[in-house]
Amino acid sequence: MDPPDPRTGADDPTPDAGPDGAEHRGMTAGASAFLGLGLSLGVCLAITVGGGLALDAWLHSSPLGLLVGLSLGVVLAVLMVVATVRKYL
C-alpha cells in the first residue's frame, strides 16, 4: 500500500485529477487547441485585411483590396478550422 500523500492525506494520489477528483487533461488539451485556433483566426484576418487595405492605399482602388483581403482571410480561416477540427474527429 502506498503511503498517504502529504499534501492531501489521500492514500492513492492521482496526479491527473483536479480538486473535485475528475480528470481534466483531455479537456484542457482540447480547450487550449481551440483557444489557439481563435487567436490564429484573429491574426489571420487582421493580416489579410490589413494587406488588402495597404493594397488599396497603394493602388488607389478603394474597396477592391479590402474585399480581396477579407475573402482570402475567410478562406484561410475556414481551412484552419477544418484542419483543427479534423484532429478531434
N, C-alpha and C. Protein backbone atom coordinates (compact mmCIF):
# COMPACT_ATOMS: atom_id res chain seq x y z
N MET A 1 0.84 -1.19 0.00
CA MET A 1 0.00 0.00 0.00
C MET A 1 0.88 1.24 0.00
N ASP A 2 0.50 2.23 -0.80
CA ASP A 2 1.27 3.46 -0.89
C ASP A 2 1.05 4.30 0.35
N PRO A 3 2.09 5.04 0.74
CA PRO A 3 1.90 5.95 1.88
C PRO A 3 0.97 7.09 1.49
N PRO A 4 0.31 7.70 2.46
CA PRO A 4 -0.60 8.81 2.14
C PRO A 4 0.16 9.99 1.54
N ASP A 5 -0.52 10.71 0.65
CA ASP A 5 0.05 11.90 0.03
C ASP A 5 0.11 12.99 1.11
N PRO A 6 1.30 13.57 1.39
CA PRO A 6 1.40 14.56 2.45
C PRO A 6 0.63 15.85 2.16
N ARG A 7 0.36 16.12 0.89
CA ARG A 7 -0.37 17.35 0.56
C ARG A 7 -1.86 17.22 0.81
N THR A 8 -2.41 16.05 0.50
CA THR A 8 -3.86 15.89 0.61
C THR A 8 -4.28 14.88 1.65
N GLY A 9 -3.37 14.02 2.07
CA GLY A 9 -3.72 12.98 3.03
C GLY A 9 -4.38 11.79 2.38
N ALA A 10 -4.49 11.78 1.05
CA ALA A 10 -5.15 10.68 0.36
C ALA A 10 -4.22 9.47 0.29
N ASP A 11 -4.79 8.28 0.36
CA ASP A 11 -3.99 7.06 0.28
C ASP A 11 -3.47 6.81 -1.12
N ASP A 12 -4.25 7.14 -2.14
CA ASP A 12 -3.87 6.87 -3.52
C ASP A 12 -3.90 8.18 -4.31
N PRO A 13 -2.82 8.94 -4.31
CA PRO A 13 -2.86 10.22 -5.03
C PRO A 13 -2.94 10.00 -6.54
N THR A 14 -3.77 10.77 -7.17
CA THR A 14 -3.89 10.71 -8.63
C THR A 14 -3.45 12.06 -9.18
N PRO A 15 -2.28 12.14 -9.82
CA PRO A 15 -1.77 13.43 -10.29
C PRO A 15 -2.59 14.06 -11.39
N ASP A 16 -3.39 13.29 -12.10
CA ASP A 16 -4.17 13.85 -13.20
C ASP A 16 -5.52 14.39 -12.75
N ALA A 17 -5.87 14.17 -11.50
CA ALA A 17 -7.19 14.56 -11.02
C ALA A 17 -7.16 16.00 -10.54
N GLY A 18 -8.26 16.70 -10.76
CA GLY A 18 -8.40 18.07 -10.30
C GLY A 18 -8.90 18.08 -8.87
N PRO A 19 -9.29 19.24 -8.36
CA PRO A 19 -9.73 19.34 -6.98
C PRO A 19 -10.99 18.54 -6.69
N ASP A 20 -11.83 18.32 -7.69
CA ASP A 20 -13.05 17.54 -7.47
C ASP A 20 -12.85 16.06 -7.77
N GLY A 21 -11.62 15.66 -8.11
CA GLY A 21 -11.32 14.26 -8.36
C GLY A 21 -11.49 13.85 -9.81
N ALA A 22 -12.02 14.72 -10.66
CA ALA A 22 -12.23 14.38 -12.07
C ALA A 22 -10.98 14.69 -12.87
N GLU A 23 -10.75 13.90 -13.90
CA GLU A 23 -9.60 14.14 -14.76
C GLU A 23 -9.94 15.25 -15.75
N HIS A 24 -9.00 16.17 -15.93
CA HIS A 24 -9.23 17.32 -16.80
C HIS A 24 -8.21 17.42 -17.92
N ARG A 25 -7.34 16.46 -18.04
CA ARG A 25 -6.25 16.56 -19.01
C ARG A 25 -6.78 16.67 -20.45
N GLY A 26 -7.71 15.82 -20.85
CA GLY A 26 -8.23 15.85 -22.22
C GLY A 26 -8.96 17.13 -22.53
N MET A 27 -9.74 17.64 -21.59
CA MET A 27 -10.48 18.86 -21.81
C MET A 27 -9.53 20.04 -21.93
N THR A 28 -8.48 20.07 -21.14
CA THR A 28 -7.54 21.17 -21.19
C THR A 28 -6.79 21.20 -22.52
N ALA A 29 -6.38 20.04 -23.01
CA ALA A 29 -5.67 20.00 -24.28
C ALA A 29 -6.57 20.46 -25.43
N GLY A 30 -7.80 20.00 -25.45
CA GLY A 30 -8.73 20.42 -26.50
C GLY A 30 -9.07 21.89 -26.40
N ALA A 31 -9.29 22.35 -25.17
CA ALA A 31 -9.63 23.76 -24.98
C ALA A 31 -8.49 24.67 -25.42
N SER A 32 -7.27 24.29 -25.08
CA SER A 32 -6.13 25.13 -25.47
C SER A 32 -5.94 25.13 -26.99
N ALA A 33 -6.23 24.00 -27.63
CA ALA A 33 -6.13 23.95 -29.08
C ALA A 33 -7.13 24.89 -29.74
N PHE A 34 -8.35 24.92 -29.22
CA PHE A 34 -9.36 25.78 -29.82
C PHE A 34 -9.18 27.24 -29.43
N LEU A 35 -8.61 27.51 -28.26
CA LEU A 35 -8.28 28.90 -27.93
C LEU A 35 -7.16 29.40 -28.84
N GLY A 36 -6.19 28.55 -29.10
CA GLY A 36 -5.13 28.91 -30.04
C GLY A 36 -5.68 29.11 -31.44
N LEU A 37 -6.68 28.32 -31.79
CA LEU A 37 -7.32 28.47 -33.10
C LEU A 37 -8.00 29.84 -33.20
N GLY A 38 -8.68 30.25 -32.16
CA GLY A 38 -9.32 31.56 -32.17
C GLY A 38 -8.33 32.69 -32.34
N LEU A 39 -7.20 32.58 -31.65
CA LEU A 39 -6.16 33.58 -31.79
C LEU A 39 -5.59 33.57 -33.21
N SER A 40 -5.38 32.39 -33.75
CA SER A 40 -4.86 32.29 -35.12
C SER A 40 -5.83 32.89 -36.13
N LEU A 41 -7.12 32.66 -35.93
CA LEU A 41 -8.12 33.23 -36.85
C LEU A 41 -8.09 34.75 -36.81
N GLY A 42 -8.00 35.30 -35.62
CA GLY A 42 -7.95 36.75 -35.49
C GLY A 42 -6.73 37.34 -36.16
N VAL A 43 -5.58 36.71 -35.94
CA VAL A 43 -4.34 37.20 -36.56
C VAL A 43 -4.41 37.05 -38.08
N CYS A 44 -4.93 35.92 -38.55
CA CYS A 44 -5.04 35.66 -39.99
C CYS A 44 -5.92 36.72 -40.66
N LEU A 45 -7.07 37.00 -40.07
CA LEU A 45 -7.96 38.01 -40.64
C LEU A 45 -7.35 39.40 -40.56
N ALA A 46 -6.67 39.70 -39.46
CA ALA A 46 -6.07 41.02 -39.32
C ALA A 46 -4.98 41.24 -40.37
N ILE A 47 -4.17 40.21 -40.61
CA ILE A 47 -3.09 40.35 -41.60
C ILE A 47 -3.65 40.49 -43.01
N THR A 48 -4.62 39.66 -43.36
CA THR A 48 -5.13 39.72 -44.73
C THR A 48 -5.95 40.99 -44.99
N VAL A 49 -6.74 41.41 -44.01
CA VAL A 49 -7.50 42.67 -44.18
C VAL A 49 -6.54 43.86 -44.20
N GLY A 50 -5.53 43.82 -43.33
CA GLY A 50 -4.52 44.89 -43.35
C GLY A 50 -3.78 44.94 -44.67
N GLY A 51 -3.45 43.76 -45.22
CA GLY A 51 -2.80 43.72 -46.52
C GLY A 51 -3.70 44.26 -47.62
N GLY A 52 -4.99 43.95 -47.52
CA GLY A 52 -5.94 44.48 -48.51
C GLY A 52 -6.07 45.99 -48.42
N LEU A 53 -6.07 46.52 -47.21
CA LEU A 53 -6.14 47.98 -47.05
C LEU A 53 -4.86 48.64 -47.55
N ALA A 54 -3.72 47.99 -47.31
CA ALA A 54 -2.46 48.54 -47.82
C ALA A 54 -2.45 48.51 -49.34
N LEU A 55 -2.97 47.44 -49.92
CA LEU A 55 -3.07 47.36 -51.38
C LEU A 55 -3.98 48.45 -51.93
N ASP A 56 -5.08 48.72 -51.23
CA ASP A 56 -5.98 49.81 -51.64
C ASP A 56 -5.26 51.16 -51.60
N ALA A 57 -4.49 51.38 -50.54
CA ALA A 57 -3.78 52.67 -50.42
C ALA A 57 -2.72 52.81 -51.51
N TRP A 58 -2.08 51.71 -51.86
CA TRP A 58 -1.02 51.76 -52.87
C TRP A 58 -1.58 51.93 -54.28
N LEU A 59 -2.66 51.19 -54.59
CA LEU A 59 -3.22 51.22 -55.94
C LEU A 59 -4.39 52.18 -56.10
N HIS A 60 -4.82 52.82 -55.01
CA HIS A 60 -5.97 53.73 -55.03
C HIS A 60 -7.21 53.04 -55.61
N SER A 61 -7.46 51.83 -55.17
CA SER A 61 -8.65 51.07 -55.60
C SER A 61 -9.46 50.72 -54.35
N SER A 62 -10.18 51.70 -53.86
CA SER A 62 -10.75 51.69 -52.52
C SER A 62 -11.33 50.37 -52.02
N PRO A 63 -12.43 49.86 -52.50
CA PRO A 63 -12.93 48.67 -51.81
C PRO A 63 -12.36 47.35 -52.33
N LEU A 64 -11.69 47.36 -53.46
CA LEU A 64 -11.27 46.11 -54.09
C LEU A 64 -10.24 45.35 -53.24
N GLY A 65 -9.21 46.02 -52.78
CA GLY A 65 -8.18 45.36 -51.97
C GLY A 65 -8.74 44.84 -50.65
N LEU A 66 -9.63 45.63 -50.05
CA LEU A 66 -10.26 45.20 -48.80
C LEU A 66 -11.08 43.93 -49.02
N LEU A 67 -11.84 43.89 -50.09
CA LEU A 67 -12.66 42.71 -50.38
C LEU A 67 -11.81 41.49 -50.69
N VAL A 68 -10.73 41.69 -51.43
CA VAL A 68 -9.82 40.58 -51.73
C VAL A 68 -9.16 40.07 -50.45
N GLY A 69 -8.68 40.99 -49.62
CA GLY A 69 -8.05 40.60 -48.36
C GLY A 69 -9.00 39.89 -47.43
N LEU A 70 -10.22 40.41 -47.34
CA LEU A 70 -11.22 39.78 -46.47
C LEU A 70 -11.60 38.40 -47.00
N SER A 71 -11.77 38.27 -48.30
CA SER A 71 -12.11 36.97 -48.88
C SER A 71 -10.99 35.96 -48.65
N LEU A 72 -9.76 36.38 -48.86
CA LEU A 72 -8.62 35.49 -48.63
C LEU A 72 -8.53 35.10 -47.16
N GLY A 73 -8.77 36.04 -46.27
CA GLY A 73 -8.74 35.76 -44.84
C GLY A 73 -9.81 34.77 -44.42
N VAL A 74 -11.01 34.90 -44.96
CA VAL A 74 -12.09 33.97 -44.62
C VAL A 74 -11.77 32.57 -45.14
N VAL A 75 -11.25 32.47 -46.35
CA VAL A 75 -10.88 31.16 -46.90
C VAL A 75 -9.80 30.50 -46.04
N LEU A 76 -8.77 31.26 -45.68
CA LEU A 76 -7.72 30.70 -44.84
C LEU A 76 -8.24 30.31 -43.46
N ALA A 77 -9.15 31.12 -42.91
CA ALA A 77 -9.72 30.81 -41.60
C ALA A 77 -10.53 29.52 -41.65
N VAL A 78 -11.32 29.34 -42.68
CA VAL A 78 -12.11 28.11 -42.81
C VAL A 78 -11.19 26.90 -42.94
N LEU A 79 -10.12 27.03 -43.70
CA LEU A 79 -9.17 25.92 -43.85
C LEU A 79 -8.50 25.58 -42.52
N MET A 80 -8.18 26.59 -41.71
CA MET A 80 -7.58 26.33 -40.40
C MET A 80 -8.57 25.65 -39.46
N VAL A 81 -9.83 26.08 -39.50
CA VAL A 81 -10.84 25.45 -38.65
C VAL A 81 -11.03 23.99 -39.05
N VAL A 82 -11.13 23.73 -40.32
CA VAL A 82 -11.33 22.35 -40.79
C VAL A 82 -10.14 21.48 -40.38
N ALA A 83 -8.93 21.98 -40.54
CA ALA A 83 -7.74 21.20 -40.18
C ALA A 83 -7.70 20.92 -38.69
N THR A 84 -8.09 21.88 -37.86
CA THR A 84 -8.07 21.69 -36.41
C THR A 84 -9.17 20.74 -35.96
N VAL A 85 -10.35 20.88 -36.50
CA VAL A 85 -11.47 20.04 -36.09
C VAL A 85 -11.24 18.58 -36.53
N ARG A 86 -10.60 18.38 -37.66
CA ARG A 86 -10.33 17.00 -38.12
C ARG A 86 -9.46 16.23 -37.16
N LYS A 87 -8.60 16.91 -36.41
CA LYS A 87 -7.74 16.25 -35.43
C LYS A 87 -8.56 15.62 -34.31
N TYR A 88 -9.73 16.18 -34.03
CA TYR A 88 -10.54 15.74 -32.91
C TYR A 88 -11.72 14.85 -33.33
N LEU A 89 -11.84 14.54 -34.60
CA LEU A 89 -12.93 13.66 -35.05
C LEU A 89 -12.50 12.22 -35.10
